[in-house]
Every structure is written in structure tokens, then in C-alpha cells.
């Protein structure tokens, strides 16, 4: 499943790398793409292995609270 989120706190490539590292540690997340200019995070994940709420929580924990796009 693919889902896109908007995270207004994204400002640079360092932010993007931090998000990729953080979400990449979640079991069930297979791909993370970050668009710095659009402040969007696209996550491909297996909903059988990770709940969407865990993705929101991990983004917030990393300093990038998000909402669905």
C-alpha cells in the first residue's frame, strides 16, 4: 500500500534523510520517498505488518508531524 503524507517541518535534504532512516526501521515499510520542495513523504508499506498510526507516530517522534495528503 502506498500513502502520501504532508509534513510541513521538512526543510532540507537532511530532513529527508532523517525521515528515510526513521521510517525505514519500521517492519513492513518497504520504501520511503521524500519531496523536500512539496514537503511530502510517500511511504510504501504492508498494512499487515505495520499500522498507519505507527507511521504517524514515527514521523512525529522524528520531529516531522504529518497528516494525510
C-alpha atoms as a PDB file:
ATOM      1  CA  UNK A   1       0.000   0.000   0.000  1.00  0.00           C
ATOM      2  CA  UNK A   2       1.228   3.500  -0.801  1.00  0.00           C
ATOM      3  CA  UNK A   3       0.249   6.553   1.194  1.00  0.00           C
ATOM      4  CA  UNK A   4       1.360  10.176   0.926  1.00  0.00           C
ATOM      5  CA  UNK A   5       1.694  12.476   3.909  1.00  0.00           C
ATOM      6  CA  UNK A   6       2.361  16.198   4.247  1.00  0.00           C
ATOM      7  CA  UNK A   7       4.943  17.182   6.860  1.00  0.00           C
ATOM      8  CA  UNK A   8       5.345  20.993   6.981  1.00  0.00           C
ATOM      9  CA  UNK A   9       8.547  20.776   9.063  1.00  0.00           C
ATOM     10  CA  UNK A  10      10.549  19.307   6.148  1.00  0.00           C
ATOM     11  CA  UNK A  11      13.074  21.951   5.105  1.00  0.00           C
ATOM     12  CA  UNK A  12      16.157  20.260   3.641  1.00  0.00           C
ATOM     13  CA  UNK A  13      17.816  17.086   2.402  1.00  0.00           C
ATOM     14  CA  UNK A  14      18.961  16.407   5.963  1.00  0.00           C
ATOM     15  CA  UNK A  15      15.301  16.287   6.995  1.00  0.00           C
ATOM     16  CA  UNK A  16      14.595  13.884   4.134  1.00  0.00           C
ATOM     17  CA  UNK A  17      17.441  11.589   5.176  1.00  0.00           C
ATOM     18  CA  UNK A  18      16.281  11.626   8.793  1.00  0.00           C
ATOM     19  CA  UNK A  19      12.754  10.647   7.757  1.00  0.00           C
ATOM     20  CA  UNK A  20      14.012   7.876   5.478  1.00  0.00           C
ATOM     21  CA  UNK A  21      16.195   6.421   8.244  1.00  0.00           C
ATOM     22  CA  UNK A  22      13.457   6.646  10.857  1.00  0.00           C
ATOM     23  CA  UNK A  23      10.647   5.126   8.784  1.00  0.00           C
ATOM     24  CA  UNK A  24      12.985   2.581   7.223  1.00  0.00           C
ATOM     25  CA  UNK A  25      13.408   0.981  10.657  1.00  0.00           C
ATOM     26  CA  UNK A  26       9.721   0.096  10.857  1.00  0.00           C
ATOM     27  CA  UNK A  27       8.982  -3.517   9.975  1.00  0.00           C
ATOM     28  CA  UNK A  28       6.698  -3.591   6.969  1.00  0.00           C
ATOM     29  CA  UNK A  29       7.910  -0.333   5.400  1.00  0.00           C
ATOM     30  CA  UNK A  30       9.453  -1.163   2.030  1.00  0.00           C
ATOM     31  CA  UNK A  31      10.080   2.278   0.502  1.00  0.00           C
ATOM     32  CA  UNK A  32      10.167   5.908   1.607  1.00  0.00           C
ATOM     33  CA  UNK A  33      10.367   8.858  -0.777  1.00  0.00           C
ATOM     34  CA  UNK A  34      10.609  12.446   0.438  1.00  0.00           C
ATOM     35  CA  UNK A  35       9.916  15.524  -1.695  1.00  0.00           C
ATOM     36  CA  UNK A  36      11.526  18.422   0.161  1.00  0.00           C
ATOM     37  CA  UNK A  37      10.032  21.137  -2.079  1.00  0.00           C
ATOM     38  CA  UNK A  38       6.487  19.812  -1.663  1.00  0.00           C
ATOM     39  CA  UNK A  39       7.031  18.747   1.982  1.00  0.00           C
ATOM     40  CA  UNK A  40       5.594  15.333   1.145  1.00  0.00           C
ATOM     41  CA  UNK A  41       6.506  11.847   2.296  1.00  0.00           C
ATOM     42  CA  UNK A  42       5.410   8.834   0.252  1.00  0.00           C
ATOM     43  CA  UNK A  43       5.517   5.567   2.136  1.00  0.00           C
ATOM     44  CA  UNK A  44       5.050   2.111   0.678  1.00  0.00           C
ATOM     45  CA  UNK A  45       4.186  -0.358   3.403  1.00  0.00           C
ATOM     46  CA  UNK A  46       2.475  -3.641   4.208  1.00  0.00           C
ATOM     47  CA  UNK A  47      -0.612  -2.893   6.332  1.00  0.00           C
ATOM     48  CA  UNK A  48      -0.450  -6.462   7.647  1.00  0.00           C
ATOM     49  CA  UNK A  49       2.921  -5.677   9.271  1.00  0.00           C
ATOM     50  CA  UNK A  50       2.682  -2.026  10.273  1.00  0.00           C
ATOM     51  CA  UNK A  51      -0.275   0.155  11.191  1.00  0.00           C
ATOM     52  CA  UNK A  52      -0.575   3.601   9.685  1.00  0.00           C
ATOM     53  CA  UNK A  53      -0.713   5.037  13.203  1.00  0.00           C
ATOM     54  CA  UNK A  54       2.842   3.742  13.754  1.00  0.00           C
ATOM     55  CA  UNK A  55       3.978   5.724  10.706  1.00  0.00           C
ATOM     56  CA  UNK A  56       2.358   8.907  12.064  1.00  0.00           C
ATOM     57  CA  UNK A  57       3.942   8.278  15.464  1.00  0.00           C
ATOM     58  CA  UNK A  58       7.403   7.683  14.000  1.00  0.00           C
ATOM     59  CA  UNK A  59       7.199  10.860  11.903  1.00  0.00           C
ATOM     60  CA  UNK A  60       6.168  12.893  14.952  1.00  0.00           C
ATOM     61  CA  UNK A  61       8.895  11.291  17.070  1.00  0.00           C
ATOM     62  CA  UNK A  62      11.471  12.290  14.425  1.00  0.00           C
ATOM     63  CA  UNK A  63      10.200  15.890  14.576  1.00  0.00           C
ATOM     64  CA  UNK A  64       8.030  15.839  11.460  1.00  0.00           C
ATOM     65  CA  UNK A  65       4.369  15.615  12.491  1.00  0.00           C
ATOM     66  CA  UNK A  66       2.336  14.828   9.403  1.00  0.00           C
ATOM     67  CA  UNK A  67      -1.150  14.452   8.014  1.00  0.00           C
ATOM     68  CA  UNK A  68      -2.506  12.581   5.018  1.00  0.00           C
ATOM     69  CA  UNK A  69      -2.112  14.423   1.739  1.00  0.00           C
END
